[in-house]
Amino acid sequence: MSSSSSSEKVRASHILIKHQGSRRKASWKDPEGRVISATTRDDAVSQLKDLRVDIVSGKTSFSDVASRYSDCSSAKRGGDLGSFGKGQMQKPFEEATYALKVGEISDIVDTDSGVHVIMRTG
């Protein structure tokens, strides 16, 4: 199985924390965008780093953190985005996901949507 095949799809879950610089400052848990508009990128990154530590240390599960803290509607599915191929996600998100092995968790990834931690699941 060649991993350079352009038709290869990956599956991932993520945790998104939006901030002042995000292109849409509203989410399912902050419909008015009040919290998001008051959150700096640094605040978002530090919150996400703490959450990542809890996951990596085994204190909590990725899906549990995603369902409670992620600003993406995928939170309802524990952060699961399903499968996607090249060109379907924002470039930094795609590149980070394809660079992970299944089961690995990324460092902080910046996109126009906010800051993410990604776990490749397939």
PDB file of N, CA and C in Angstrom:
ATOM      1  N   MET A   1       0.847  -1.193   0.000  1.00  0.00           N
ATOM      2  CA  MET A   1       0.000   0.000   0.000  1.00  0.00           C
ATOM      3  C   MET A   1       0.885   1.246   0.000  1.00  0.00           C
ATOM      4  N   SER A   2       0.794   2.027  -1.021  1.00  0.00           N
ATOM      5  CA  SER A   2       1.647   3.207  -1.146  1.00  0.00           C
ATOM      6  C   SER A   2       1.022   4.408  -0.446  1.00  0.00           C
ATOM      7  N   SER A   3       1.813   5.051   0.409  1.00  0.00           N
ATOM      8  CA  SER A   3       1.253   6.187   1.147  1.00  0.00           C
ATOM      9  C   SER A   3       1.321   7.471   0.326  1.00  0.00           C
ATOM     10  N   SER A   4       1.971   7.408  -0.838  1.00  0.00           N
ATOM     11  CA  SER A   4       2.045   8.618  -1.660  1.00  0.00           C
ATOM     12  C   SER A   4       0.852   8.727  -2.612  1.00  0.00           C
ATOM     13  N   SER A   5      -0.020   7.734  -2.582  1.00  0.00           N
ATOM     14  CA  SER A   5      -1.194   7.763  -3.451  1.00  0.00           C
ATOM     15  C   SER A   5      -2.064   8.975  -3.127  1.00  0.00           C
ATOM     16  N   SER A   6      -2.384   9.756  -4.136  1.00  0.00           N
ATOM     17  CA  SER A   6      -3.142  10.988  -3.893  1.00  0.00           C
ATOM     18  C   SER A   6      -4.600  10.705  -3.549  1.00  0.00           C
ATOM     19  N   SER A   7      -5.030   9.457  -3.808  1.00  0.00           N
ATOM     20  CA  SER A   7      -6.422   9.141  -3.492  1.00  0.00           C
ATOM     21  C   SER A   7      -6.557   8.636  -2.055  1.00  0.00           C
ATOM     22  N   GLU A   8      -5.432   8.494  -1.372  1.00  0.00           N
ATOM     23  CA  GLU A   8      -5.474   7.981  -0.006  1.00  0.00           C
ATOM     24  C   GLU A   8      -6.230   8.943   0.905  1.00  0.00           C
ATOM     25  N   LYS A   9      -7.172   8.395   1.637  1.00  0.00           N
ATOM     26  CA  LYS A   9      -7.911   9.224   2.586  1.00  0.00           C
ATOM     27  C   LYS A   9      -7.402   8.967   3.989  1.00  0.00           C
ATOM     28  N   VAL A  10      -7.562   9.954   4.824  1.00  0.00           N
ATOM     29  CA  VAL A  10      -7.215   9.806   6.232  1.00  0.00           C
ATOM     30  C   VAL A  10      -8.480  10.069   7.037  1.00  0.00           C
ATOM     31  N   ARG A  11      -8.447   9.650   8.282  1.00  0.00           N
ATOM     32  CA  ARG A  11      -9.556   9.974   9.172  1.00  0.00           C
ATOM     33  C   ARG A  11      -8.946  10.610  10.412  1.00  0.00           C
ATOM     34  N   ALA A  12      -9.607  11.632  10.908  1.00  0.00           N
ATOM     35  CA  ALA A  12      -9.056  12.335  12.054  1.00  0.00           C
ATOM     36  C   ALA A  12     -10.148  12.890  12.942  1.00  0.00           C
ATOM     37  N   SER A  13      -9.752  13.116  14.186  1.00  0.00           N
ATOM     38  CA  SER A  13     -10.574  13.861  15.130  1.00  0.00           C
ATOM     39  C   SER A  13      -9.767  15.093  15.513  1.00  0.00           C
ATOM     40  N   HIS A  14     -10.451  16.133  15.933  1.00  0.00           N
ATOM     41  CA  HIS A  14      -9.702  17.309  16.365  1.00  0.00           C
ATOM     42  C   HIS A  14     -10.420  18.031  17.485  1.00  0.00           C
ATOM     43  N   ILE A  15      -9.639  18.886  18.135  1.00  0.00           N
ATOM     44  CA  ILE A  15     -10.167  19.812  19.128  1.00  0.00           C
ATOM     45  C   ILE A  15      -9.819  21.196  18.586  1.00  0.00           C
ATOM     46  N   LEU A  16     -10.815  22.036  18.432  1.00  0.00           N
ATOM     47  CA  LEU A  16     -10.611  23.390  17.911  1.00  0.00           C
ATOM     48  C   LEU A  16     -10.921  24.387  19.013  1.00  0.00           C
ATOM     49  N   ILE A  17      -9.993  25.303  19.229  1.00  0.00           N
ATOM     50  CA  ILE A  17     -10.262  26.446  20.106  1.00  0.00           C
ATOM     51  C   ILE A  17     -10.189  27.689  19.224  1.00  0.00           C
ATOM     52  N   LYS A  18     -11.304  28.396  19.132  1.00  0.00           N
ATOM     53  CA  LYS A  18     -11.340  29.629  18.341  1.00  0.00           C
ATOM     54  C   LYS A  18     -10.822  30.797  19.174  1.00  0.00           C
ATOM     55  N   HIS A  19     -10.396  31.838  18.470  1.00  0.00           N
ATOM     56  CA  HIS A  19      -9.891  33.040  19.154  1.00  0.00           C
ATOM     57  C   HIS A  19     -10.207  34.272  18.311  1.00  0.00           C
ATOM     58  N   GLN A  20      -9.731  35.426  18.771  1.00  0.00           N
ATOM     59  CA  GLN A  20     -10.017  36.707  18.105  1.00  0.00           C
ATOM     60  C   GLN A  20      -9.686  36.694  16.621  1.00  0.00           C
ATOM     61  N   GLY A  21      -8.664  35.937  16.244  1.00  0.00           N
ATOM     62  CA  GLY A  21      -8.230  35.923  14.844  1.00  0.00           C
ATOM     63  C   GLY A  21      -8.968  34.908  13.994  1.00  0.00           C
ATOM     64  N   SER A  22      -9.867  34.148  14.577  1.00  0.00           N
ATOM     65  CA  SER A  22     -10.596  33.128  13.819  1.00  0.00           C
ATOM     66  C   SER A  22     -11.548  33.774  12.825  1.00  0.00           C
ATOM     67  N   ARG A  23     -11.752  33.116  11.696  1.00  0.00           N
ATOM     68  CA  ARG A  23     -12.578  33.780  10.678  1.00  0.00           C
ATOM     69  C   ARG A  23     -14.046  33.803  11.063  1.00  0.00           C
ATOM     70  N   ARG A  24     -14.502  32.833  11.831  1.00  0.00           N
ATOM     71  CA  ARG A  24     -15.886  32.899  12.348  1.00  0.00           C
ATOM     72  C   ARG A  24     -15.851  32.837  13.855  1.00  0.00           C
ATOM     73  N   LYS A  25     -16.295  33.899  14.501  1.00  0.00           N
ATOM     74  CA  LYS A  25     -16.174  33.986  15.955  1.00  0.00           C
ATOM     75  C   LYS A  25     -17.446  33.540  16.664  1.00  0.00           C
ATOM     76  N   ALA A  26     -17.944  32.389  16.285  1.00  0.00           N
ATOM     77  CA  ALA A  26     -19.105  31.828  16.980  1.00  0.00           C
ATOM     78  C   ALA A  26     -18.971  30.328  16.936  1.00  0.00           C
ATOM     79  N   SER A  27     -19.511  29.664  17.921  1.00  0.00           N
ATOM     80  CA  SER A  27     -19.491  28.210  17.912  1.00  0.00           C
ATOM     81  C   SER A  27     -20.729  27.698  18.621  1.00  0.00           C
ATOM     82  N   TRP A  28     -20.903  26.399  18.590  1.00  0.00           N
ATOM     83  CA  TRP A  28     -22.082  25.788  19.217  1.00  0.00           C
ATOM     84  C   TRP A  28     -22.170  26.133  20.696  1.00  0.00           C
ATOM     85  N   LYS A  29     -21.014  26.346  21.359  1.00  0.00           N
ATOM     86  CA  LYS A  29     -21.095  26.650  22.783  1.00  0.00           C
ATOM     87  C   LYS A  29     -20.951  28.146  23.071  1.00  0.00           C
ATOM     88  N   ASP A  30     -20.709  28.910  22.043  1.00  0.00           N
ATOM     89  CA  ASP A  30     -20.581  30.358  22.193  1.00  0.00           C
ATOM     90  C   ASP A  30     -21.237  31.026  20.981  1.00  0.00           C
ATOM     91  N   PRO A  31     -22.567  30.879  20.841  1.00  0.00           N
ATOM     92  CA  PRO A  31     -23.245  31.334  19.624  1.00  0.00           C
ATOM     93  C   PRO A  31     -23.107  32.824  19.342  1.00  0.00           C
ATOM     94  N   GLU A  32     -22.943  33.604  20.397  1.00  0.00           N
ATOM     95  CA  GLU A  32     -22.768  35.058  20.204  1.00  0.00           C
ATOM     96  C   GLU A  32     -21.308  35.407  19.912  1.00  0.00           C
ATOM     97  N   GLY A  33     -20.420  34.474  20.162  1.00  0.00           N
ATOM     98  CA  GLY A  33     -18.997  34.730  19.937  1.00  0.00           C
ATOM     99  C   GLY A  33     -18.375  35.634  20.984  1.00  0.00           C
ATOM    100  N   ARG A  34     -19.017  35.771  22.147  1.00  0.00           N
ATOM    101  CA  ARG A  34     -18.495  36.693  23.179  1.00  0.00           C
ATOM    102  C   ARG A  34     -17.166  36.206  23.749  1.00  0.00           C
ATOM    103  N   VAL A  35     -17.130  34.932  24.119  1.00  0.00           N
ATOM    104  CA  VAL A  35     -15.903  34.374  24.696  1.00  0.00           C
ATOM    105  C   VAL A  35     -14.800  34.360  23.649  1.00  0.00           C
ATOM    106  N   ILE A  36     -15.162  33.915  22.448  1.00  0.00           N
ATOM    107  CA  ILE A  36     -14.167  33.806  21.377  1.00  0.00           C
ATOM    108  C   ILE A  36     -13.561  35.167  21.046  1.00  0.00           C
ATOM    109  N   SER A  37     -14.384  36.201  20.980  1.00  0.00           N
ATOM    110  CA  SER A  37     -13.875  37.540  20.652  1.00  0.00           C
ATOM    111  C   SER A  37     -12.940  38.079  21.727  1.00  0.00           C
ATOM    112  N   ALA A  38     -13.077  37.558  22.946  1.00  0.00           N
ATOM    113  CA  ALA A  38     -12.218  38.014  24.044  1.00  0.00           C
ATOM    114  C   ALA A  38     -11.003  37.108  24.263  1.00  0.00           C
ATOM    115  N   THR A  39     -10.902  36.054  23.449  1.00  0.00           N
ATOM    116  CA  THR A  39      -9.805  35.092  23.607  1.00  0.00           C
ATOM    117  C   THR A  39      -8.676  35.420  22.645  1.00  0.00           C
ATOM    118  N   THR A  40      -7.477  35.638  23.165  1.00  0.00           N
ATOM    119  CA  THR A  40      -6.334  35.871  22.280  1.00  0.00           C
ATOM    120  C   THR A  40      -5.829  34.525  21.766  1.00  0.00           C
ATOM    121  N   ARG A  41      -5.016  34.573  20.726  1.00  0.00           N
ATOM    122  CA  ARG A  41      -4.441  33.329  20.211  1.00  0.00           C
ATOM    123  C   ARG A  41      -3.607  32.669  21.305  1.00  0.00           C
ATOM    124  N   ASP A  42      -2.853  33.467  22.055  1.00  0.00           N
ATOM    125  CA  ASP A  42      -2.016  32.905  23.126  1.00  0.00           C
ATOM    126  C   ASP A  42      -2.855  32.180  24.174  1.00  0.00           C
ATOM    127  N   ASP A  43      -4.001  32.788  24.528  1.00  0.00           N
ATOM    128  CA  ASP A  43      -4.914  32.139  25.487  1.00  0.00           C
ATOM    129  C   ASP A  43      -5.393  30.799  24.940  1.00  0.00           C
ATOM    130  N   ALA A  44      -5.783  30.805  23.670  1.00  0.00           N
ATOM    131  CA  ALA A  44      -6.307  29.595  23.027  1.00  0.00           C
ATOM    132  C   ALA A  44      -5.234  28.507  23.000  1.00  0.00           C
ATOM    133  N   VAL A  45      -4.007  28.904  22.643  1.00  0.00           N
ATOM    134  CA  VAL A  45      -2.901  27.939  22.581  1.00  0.00           C
ATOM    135  C   VAL A  45      -2.606  27.372  23.964  1.00  0.00           C
ATOM    136  N   SER A  46      -2.596  28.225  24.979  1.00  0.00           N
ATOM    137  CA  SER A  46      -2.253  27.706  26.297  1.00  0.00           C
ATOM    138  C   SER A  46      -3.349  26.790  26.831  1.00  0.00           C
ATOM    139  N   GLN A  47      -4.612  27.099  26.541  1.00  0.00           N
ATOM    140  CA  GLN A  47      -5.697  26.200  26.937  1.00  0.00           C
ATOM    141  C   GLN A  47      -5.556  24.849  26.230  1.00  0.00           C
ATOM    142  N   LEU A  48      -5.270  24.908  24.939  1.00  0.00           N
ATOM    143  CA  LEU A  48      -5.146  23.689  24.145  1.00  0.00           C
ATOM    144  C   LEU A  48      -3.949  22.853  24.592  1.00  0.00           C
ATOM    145  N   LYS A  49      -2.841  23.520  24.920  1.00  0.00           N
ATOM    146  CA  LYS A  49      -1.662  22.785  25.396  1.00  0.00           C
ATOM    147  C   LYS A  49      -1.967  22.035  26.686  1.00  0.00           C
ATOM    148  N   ASP A  50      -2.692  22.679  27.595  1.00  0.00           N
ATOM    149  CA  ASP A  50      -3.075  22.023  28.850  1.00  0.00           C
ATOM    150  C   ASP A  50      -3.970  20.820  28.583  1.00  0.00           C
ATOM    151  N   LEU A  51      -4.925  20.984  27.671  1.00  0.00           N
ATOM    152  CA  LEU A  51      -5.826  19.887  27.337  1.00  0.00           C
ATOM    153  C   LEU A  51      -5.051  18.728  26.711  1.00  0.00           C
ATOM    154  N   ARG A  52      -4.078  19.068  25.862  1.00  0.00           N
ATOM    155  CA  ARG A  52      -3.264  18.042  25.195  1.00  0.00           C
ATOM    156  C   ARG A  52      -2.472  17.230  26.215  1.00  0.00           C
ATOM    157  N   VAL A  53      -1.928  17.929  27.219  1.00  0.00           N
ATOM    158  CA  VAL A  53      -1.173  17.249  28.283  1.00  0.00           C
ATOM    159  C   VAL A  53      -2.072  16.240  29.011  1.00  0.00           C
ATOM    160  N   ASP A  54      -3.304  16.663  29.307  1.00  0.00           N
ATOM    161  CA  ASP A  54      -4.247  15.763  29.981  1.00  0.00           C
ATOM    162  C   ASP A  54      -4.533  14.516  29.150  1.00  0.00           C
ATOM    163  N   ILE A  55      -4.611  14.677  27.839  1.00  0.00           N
ATOM    164  CA  ILE A  55      -4.890  13.543  26.956  1.00  0.00           C
ATOM    165  C   ILE A  55      -3.673  12.615  26.884  1.00  0.00           C
ATOM    166  N   VAL A  56      -2.513  13.216  26.606  1.00  0.00           N
ATOM    167  CA  VAL A  56      -1.293  12.424  26.431  1.00  0.00           C
ATOM    168  C   VAL A  56      -0.918  11.678  27.715  1.00  0.00           C
ATOM    169  N   SER A  57      -1.190  12.299  28.858  1.00  0.00           N
ATOM    170  CA  SER A  57      -0.862  11.659  30.134  1.00  0.00           C
ATOM    171  C   SER A  57      -1.883  10.587  30.526  1.00  0.00           C
ATOM    172  N   GLY A  58      -2.976  10.517  29.774  1.00  0.00           N
ATOM    173  CA  GLY A  58      -3.984   9.506  30.057  1.00  0.00           C
ATOM    174  C   GLY A  58      -5.009   9.929  31.099  1.00  0.00           C
ATOM    175  N   LYS A  59      -4.927  11.198  31.518  1.00  0.00           N
ATOM    176  CA  LYS A  59      -5.866  11.695  32.524  1.00  0.00           C
ATOM    177  C   LYS A  59      -7.295  11.735  31.987  1.00  0.00           C
ATOM    178  N   THR A  60      -7.404  11.976  30.699  1.00  0.00           N
ATOM    179  CA  THR A  60      -8.715  12.041  30.059  1.00  0.00           C
ATOM    180  C   THR A  60      -8.585  11.578  28.614  1.00  0.00           C
ATOM    181  N   SER A  61      -9.701  11.297  27.965  1.00  0.00           N
ATOM    182  CA  SER A  61      -9.622  10.825  26.579  1.00  0.00           C
ATOM    183  C   SER A  61      -9.790  11.988  25.603  1.00  0.00           C
ATOM    184  N   PHE A  62      -9.264  11.775  24.405  1.00  0.00           N
ATOM    185  CA  PHE A  62      -9.361  12.784  23.356  1.00  0.00           C
ATOM    186  C   PHE A  62     -10.824  13.130  23.092  1.00  0.00           C
ATOM    187  N   SER A  63     -11.664  12.099  22.963  1.00  0.00           N
ATOM    188  CA  SER A  63     -13.061  12.358  22.614  1.00  0.00           C
ATOM    189  C   SER A  63     -13.802  13.096  23.733  1.00  0.00           C
ATOM    190  N   ASP A  64     -13.427  12.812  24.972  1.00  0.00           N
ATOM    191  CA  ASP A  64     -14.051  13.497  26.095  1.00  0.00           C
ATOM    192  C   ASP A  64     -13.709  14.989  26.079  1.00  0.00           C
ATOM    193  N   VAL A  65     -12.429  15.284  25.866  1.00  0.00           N
ATOM    194  CA  VAL A  65     -11.989  16.681  25.804  1.00  0.00           C
ATOM    195  C   VAL A  65     -12.650  17.386  24.619  1.00  0.00           C
ATOM    196  N   ALA A  66     -12.675  16.719  23.468  1.00  0.00           N
ATOM    197  CA  ALA A  66     -13.283  17.328  22.279  1.00  0.00           C
ATOM    198  C   ALA A  66     -14.752  17.645  22.522  1.00  0.00           C
ATOM    199  N   SER A  67     -15.467  16.702  23.121  1.00  0.00           N
ATOM    200  CA  SER A  67     -16.903  16.927  23.289  1.00  0.00           C
ATOM    201  C   SER A  67     -17.197  18.044  24.283  1.00  0.00           C
ATOM    202  N   ARG A  68     -16.254  18.306  25.194  1.00  0.00           N
ATOM    203  CA  ARG A  68     -16.478  19.369  26.170  1.00  0.00           C
ATOM    204  C   ARG A  68     -15.921  20.725  25.767  1.00  0.00           C
ATOM    205  N   TYR A  69     -14.793  20.720  25.078  1.00  0.00           N
ATOM    206  CA  TYR A  69     -14.088  21.991  24.865  1.00  0.00           C
ATOM    207  C   TYR A  69     -13.990  22.459  23.416  1.00  0.00           C
ATOM    208  N   SER A  70     -14.153  21.566  22.444  1.00  0.00           N
ATOM    209  CA  SER A  70     -13.937  21.968  21.057  1.00  0.00           C
ATOM    210  C   SER A  70     -15.005  22.943  20.587  1.00  0.00           C
ATOM    211  N   ASP A  71     -14.570  23.962  19.825  1.00  0.00           N
ATOM    212  CA  ASP A  71     -15.489  24.939  19.255  1.00  0.00           C
ATOM    213  C   ASP A  71     -16.051  24.472  17.913  1.00  0.00           C
ATOM    214  N   CYS A  72     -15.718  23.277  17.489  1.00  0.00           N
ATOM    215  CA  CYS A  72     -16.234  22.738  16.228  1.00  0.00           C
ATOM    216  C   CYS A  72     -17.472  21.897  16.503  1.00  0.00           C
ATOM    217  N   SER A  73     -18.409  21.891  15.560  1.00  0.00           N
ATOM    218  CA  SER A  73     -19.620  21.087  15.752  1.00  0.00           C
ATOM    219  C   SER A  73     -19.300  19.592  15.820  1.00  0.00           C
ATOM    220  N   SER A  74     -18.101  19.197  15.390  1.00  0.00           N
ATOM    221  CA  SER A  74     -17.683  17.788  15.504  1.00  0.00           C
ATOM    222  C   SER A  74     -17.550  17.367  16.965  1.00  0.00           C
ATOM    223  N   ALA A  75     -17.606  18.333  17.881  1.00  0.00           N
ATOM    224  CA  ALA A  75     -17.547  18.025  19.312  1.00  0.00           C
ATOM    225  C   ALA A  75     -18.608  16.999  19.697  1.00  0.00           C
ATOM    226  N   LYS A  76     -19.757  17.101  19.040  1.00  0.00           N
ATOM    227  CA  LYS A  76     -20.862  16.172  19.344  1.00  0.00           C
ATOM    228  C   LYS A  76     -20.503  14.729  19.000  1.00  0.00           C
ATOM    229  N   ARG A  77     -19.487  14.544  18.162  1.00  0.00           N
ATOM    230  CA  ARG A  77     -19.022  13.201  17.793  1.00  0.00           C
ATOM    231  C   ARG A  77     -17.647  12.935  18.405  1.00  0.00           C
ATOM    232  N   GLY A  78     -17.340  13.612  19.495  1.00  0.00           N
ATOM    233  CA  GLY A  78     -16.033  13.427  20.129  1.00  0.00           C
ATOM    234  C   GLY A  78     -14.890  13.948  19.285  1.00  0.00           C
ATOM    235  N   GLY A  79     -15.209  14.901  18.409  1.00  0.00           N
ATOM    236  CA  GLY A  79     -14.174  15.519  17.572  1.00  0.00           C
ATOM    237  C   GLY A  79     -13.980  14.845  16.227  1.00  0.00           C
ATOM    238  N   ASP A  80     -14.709  13.757  15.974  1.00  0.00           N
ATOM    239  CA  ASP A  80     -14.506  12.993  14.741  1.00  0.00           C
ATOM    240  C   ASP A  80     -14.945  13.773  13.504  1.00  0.00           C
ATOM    241  N   LEU A  81     -14.027  13.913  12.557  1.00  0.00           N
ATOM    242  CA  LEU A  81     -14.323  14.601  11.297  1.00  0.00           C
ATOM    243  C   LEU A  81     -14.621  13.618  10.179  1.00  0.00           C
ATOM    244  N   GLY A  82     -14.508  12.326  10.457  1.00  0.00           N
ATOM    245  CA  GLY A  82     -14.687  11.338   9.404  1.00  0.00           C
ATOM    246  C   GLY A  82     -13.468  11.298   8.496  1.00  0.00           C
ATOM    247  N   SER A  83     -13.646  10.712   7.321  1.00  0.00           N
ATOM    248  CA  SER A  83     -12.535  10.572   6.374  1.00  0.00           C
ATOM    249  C   SER A  83     -12.488  11.755   5.421  1.00  0.00           C
ATOM    250  N   PHE A  84     -11.280  12.102   5.029  1.00  0.00           N
ATOM    251  CA  PHE A  84     -11.137  13.149   4.016  1.00  0.00           C
ATOM    252  C   PHE A  84      -9.864  12.912   3.216  1.00  0.00           C
ATOM    253  N   GLY A  85      -9.861  13.462   2.011  1.00  0.00           N
ATOM    254  CA  GLY A  85      -8.701  13.333   1.146  1.00  0.00           C
ATOM    255  C   GLY A  85      -7.995  14.669   1.007  1.00  0.00           C
ATOM    256  N   LYS A  86      -6.973  14.680   0.166  1.00  0.00           N
ATOM    257  CA  LYS A  86      -6.215  15.912  -0.056  1.00  0.00           C
ATOM    258  C   LYS A  86      -7.109  16.976  -0.683  1.00  0.00           C
ATOM    259  N   GLY A  87      -6.917  18.210  -0.248  1.00  0.00           N
ATOM    260  CA  GLY A  87      -7.646  19.320  -0.845  1.00  0.00           C
ATOM    261  C   GLY A  87      -9.002  19.595  -0.213  1.00  0.00           C
ATOM    262  N   GLN A  88      -9.369  18.815   0.810  1.00  0.00           N
ATOM    263  CA  GLN A  88     -10.683  19.018   1.424  1.00  0.00           C
ATOM    264  C   GLN A  88     -10.619  19.882   2.688  1.00  0.00           C
ATOM    265  N   MET A  89      -9.451  19.953   3.304  1.00  0.00           N
ATOM    266  CA  MET A  89      -9.277  20.717   4.536  1.00  0.00           C
ATOM    267  C   MET A  89      -8.316  21.873   4.272  1.00  0.00           C
ATOM    268  N   GLN A  90      -8.251  22.806   5.221  1.00  0.00           N
ATOM    269  CA  GLN A  90      -7.263  23.876   5.091  1.00  0.00           C
ATOM    270  C   GLN A  90      -5.870  23.231   5.097  1.00  0.00           C
ATOM    271  N   LYS A  91      -4.970  23.810   4.302  1.00  0.00           N
ATOM    272  CA  LYS A  91      -3.650  23.211   4.054  1.00  0.00           C
ATOM    273  C   LYS A  91      -2.887  22.834   5.334  1.00  0.00           C
ATOM    274  N   PRO A  92      -2.764  23.722   6.308  1.00  0.00           N
ATOM    275  CA  PRO A  92      -1.991  23.339   7.502  1.00  0.00           C
ATOM    276  C   PRO A  92      -2.606  22.140   8.224  1.00  0.00           C
ATOM    277  N   PHE A  93      -3.931  22.082   8.217  1.00  0.00           N
ATOM    278  CA  PHE A  93      -4.643  20.983   8.881  1.00  0.00           C
ATOM    279  C   PHE A  93      -4.379  19.680   8.140  1.00  0.00           C
ATOM    280  N   GLU A  94      -4.505  19.745   6.823  1.00  0.00           N
ATOM    281  CA  GLU A  94      -4.257  18.566   5.990  1.00  0.00           C
ATOM    282  C   GLU A  94      -2.826  18.071   6.171  1.00  0.00           C
ATOM    283  N   GLU A  95      -1.859  18.977   6.079  1.00  0.00           N
ATOM    284  CA  GLU A  95      -0.453  18.570   6.174  1.00  0.00           C
ATOM    285  C   GLU A  95      -0.150  17.933   7.520  1.00  0.00           C
ATOM    286  N   ALA A  96      -0.686  18.514   8.580  1.00  0.00           N
ATOM    287  CA  ALA A  96      -0.447  17.969   9.925  1.00  0.00           C
ATOM    288  C   ALA A  96      -1.056  16.577  10.057  1.00  0.00           C
ATOM    289  N   THR A  97      -2.260  16.398   9.525  1.00  0.00           N
ATOM    290  CA  THR A  97      -2.936  15.102   9.640  1.00  0.00           C
ATOM    291  C   THR A  97      -2.192  14.022   8.877  1.00  0.00           C
ATOM    292  N   TYR A  98      -1.807  14.314   7.645  1.00  0.00           N
ATOM    293  CA  TYR A  98      -1.098  13.325   6.827  1.00  0.00           C
ATOM    294  C   TYR A  98       0.278  12.986   7.409  1.00  0.00           C
ATOM    295  N   ALA A  99       0.848  13.896   8.201  1.00  0.00           N
ATOM    296  CA  ALA A  99       2.171  13.648   8.789  1.00  0.00           C
ATOM    297  C   ALA A  99       2.098  12.743  10.022  1.00  0.00           C
ATOM    298  N   LEU A 100       0.894  12.600  10.578  1.00  0.00           N
ATOM    299  CA  LEU A 100       0.736  11.767  11.776  1.00  0.00           C
ATOM    300  C   LEU A 100       0.589  10.299  11.414  1.00  0.00           C
ATOM    301  N   LYS A 101       1.008   9.440  12.333  1.00  0.00           N
ATOM    302  CA  LYS A 101       0.668   8.022  12.221  1.00  0.00           C
ATOM    303  C   LYS A 101      -0.675   7.839  12.922  1.00  0.00           C
ATOM    304  N   VAL A 102      -1.390   6.763  12.586  1.00  0.00           N
ATOM    305  CA  VAL A 102      -2.677   6.488  13.230  1.00  0.00           C
ATOM    306  C   VAL A 102      -2.468   6.387  14.744  1.00  0.00           C
ATOM    307  N   GLY A 103      -3.301   7.111  15.481  1.00  0.00           N
ATOM    308  CA  GLY A 103      -3.191   7.104  16.942  1.00  0.00           C
ATOM    309  C   GLY A 103      -2.334   8.223  17.501  1.00  0.00           C
ATOM    310  N   GLU A 104      -1.573   8.891  16.635  1.00  0.00           N
ATOM    311  CA  GLU A 104      -0.729  10.003  17.095  1.00  0.00           C
ATOM    312  C   GLU A 104      -1.532  11.289  17.216  1.00  0.00           C
ATOM    313  N   ILE A 105      -1.057  12.151  18.093  1.00  0.00           N
ATOM    314  CA  ILE A 105      -1.705  13.444  18.335  1.00  0.00           C
ATOM    315  C   ILE A 105      -0.728  14.548  17.952  1.00  0.00           C
ATOM    316  N   SER A 106      -1.230  15.519  17.206  1.00  0.00           N
ATOM    317  CA  SER A 106      -0.372  16.605  16.715  1.00  0.00           C
ATOM    318  C   SER A 106      -0.038  17.596  17.825  1.00  0.00           C
ATOM    319  N   ASP A 107       0.940  18.454  17.522  1.00  0.00           N
ATOM    320  CA  ASP A 107       1.139  19.639  18.336  1.00  0.00           C
ATOM    321  C   ASP A 107       0.069  20.641  17.906  1.00  0.00           C
ATOM    322  N   ILE A 108       0.216  21.870  18.350  1.00  0.00           N
ATOM    323  CA  ILE A 108      -0.760  22.909  18.001  1.00  0.00           C
ATOM    324  C   ILE A 108      -0.671  23.223  16.501  1.00  0.00           C
ATOM    325  N   VAL A 109      -1.812  23.238  15.832  1.00  0.00           N
ATOM    326  CA  VAL A 109      -1.874  23.552  14.405  1.00  0.00           C
ATOM    327  C   VAL A 109      -2.756  24.789  14.236  1.00  0.00           C
ATOM    328  N   ASP A 110      -2.206  25.795  13.553  1.00  0.00           N
ATOM    329  CA  ASP A 110      -2.945  27.039  13.299  1.00  0.00           C
ATOM    330  C   ASP A 110      -3.639  26.991  11.950  1.00  0.00           C
ATOM    331  N   THR A 111      -4.919  27.362  11.905  1.00  0.00           N
ATOM    332  CA  THR A 111      -5.604  27.574  10.625  1.00  0.00           C
ATOM    333  C   THR A 111      -6.432  28.850  10.753  1.00  0.00           C
ATOM    334  N   ASP A 112      -7.125  29.205   9.686  1.00  0.00           N
ATOM    335  CA  ASP A 112      -8.009  30.377   9.728  1.00  0.00           C
ATOM    336  C   ASP A 112      -9.156  30.180  10.716  1.00  0.00           C
ATOM    337  N   SER A 113      -9.430  28.924  11.060  1.00  0.00           N
ATOM    338  CA  SER A 113     -10.535  28.638  11.987  1.00  0.00           C
ATOM    339  C   SER A 113     -10.143  28.833  13.448  1.00  0.00           C
ATOM    340  N   GLY A 114      -8.860  28.698  13.746  1.00  0.00           N
ATOM    341  CA  GLY A 114      -8.397  28.802  15.124  1.00  0.00           C
ATOM    342  C   GLY A 114      -7.201  27.893  15.335  1.00  0.00           C
ATOM    343  N   VAL A 115      -7.036  27.406  16.563  1.00  0.00           N
ATOM    344  CA  VAL A 115      -5.938  26.486  16.845  1.00  0.00           C
ATOM    345  C   VAL A 115      -6.517  25.105  17.131  1.00  0.00           C
ATOM    346  N   HIS A 116      -5.809  24.094  16.628  1.00  0.00           N
ATOM    347  CA  HIS A 116      -6.296  22.731  16.695  1.00  0.00           C
ATOM    348  C   HIS A 116      -5.250  21.807  17.324  1.00  0.00           C
ATOM    349  N   VAL A 117      -5.726  20.716  17.895  1.00  0.00           N
ATOM    350  CA  VAL A 117      -4.906  19.537  18.143  1.00  0.00           C
ATOM    351  C   VAL A 117      -5.631  18.429  17.395  1.00  0.00           C
ATOM    352  N   ILE A 118      -4.877  17.676  16.613  1.00  0.00           N
ATOM    353  CA  ILE A 118      -5.458  16.669  15.729  1.00  0.00           C
ATOM    354  C   ILE A 118      -4.996  15.281  16.144  1.00  0.00           C
ATOM    355  N   MET A 119      -5.901  14.329  16.126  1.00  0.00           N
ATOM    356  CA  MET A 119      -5.530  12.937  16.324  1.00  0.00           C
ATOM    357  C   MET A 119      -5.928  12.176  15.071  1.00  0.00           C
ATOM    358  N   ARG A 120      -4.937  11.539  14.465  1.00  0.00           N
ATOM    359  CA  ARG A 120      -5.249  10.725  13.284  1.00  0.00           C
ATOM    360  C   ARG A 120      -5.840   9.399  13.745  1.00  0.00           C
ATOM    361  N   THR A 121      -6.978   9.040  13.194  1.00  0.00           N
ATOM    362  CA  THR A 121      -7.650   7.815  13.636  1.00  0.00           C
ATOM    363  C   THR A 121      -7.749   6.770  12.532  1.00  0.00           C
ATOM    364  N   GLY A 122      -7.335   7.131  11.338  1.00  0.00           N
ATOM    365  CA  GLY A 122      -7.389   6.150  10.254  1.00  0.00           C
ATOM    366  C   GLY A 122      -6.703   6.649   9.010  1.00  0.00           C
TER     367      GLY A 122
END
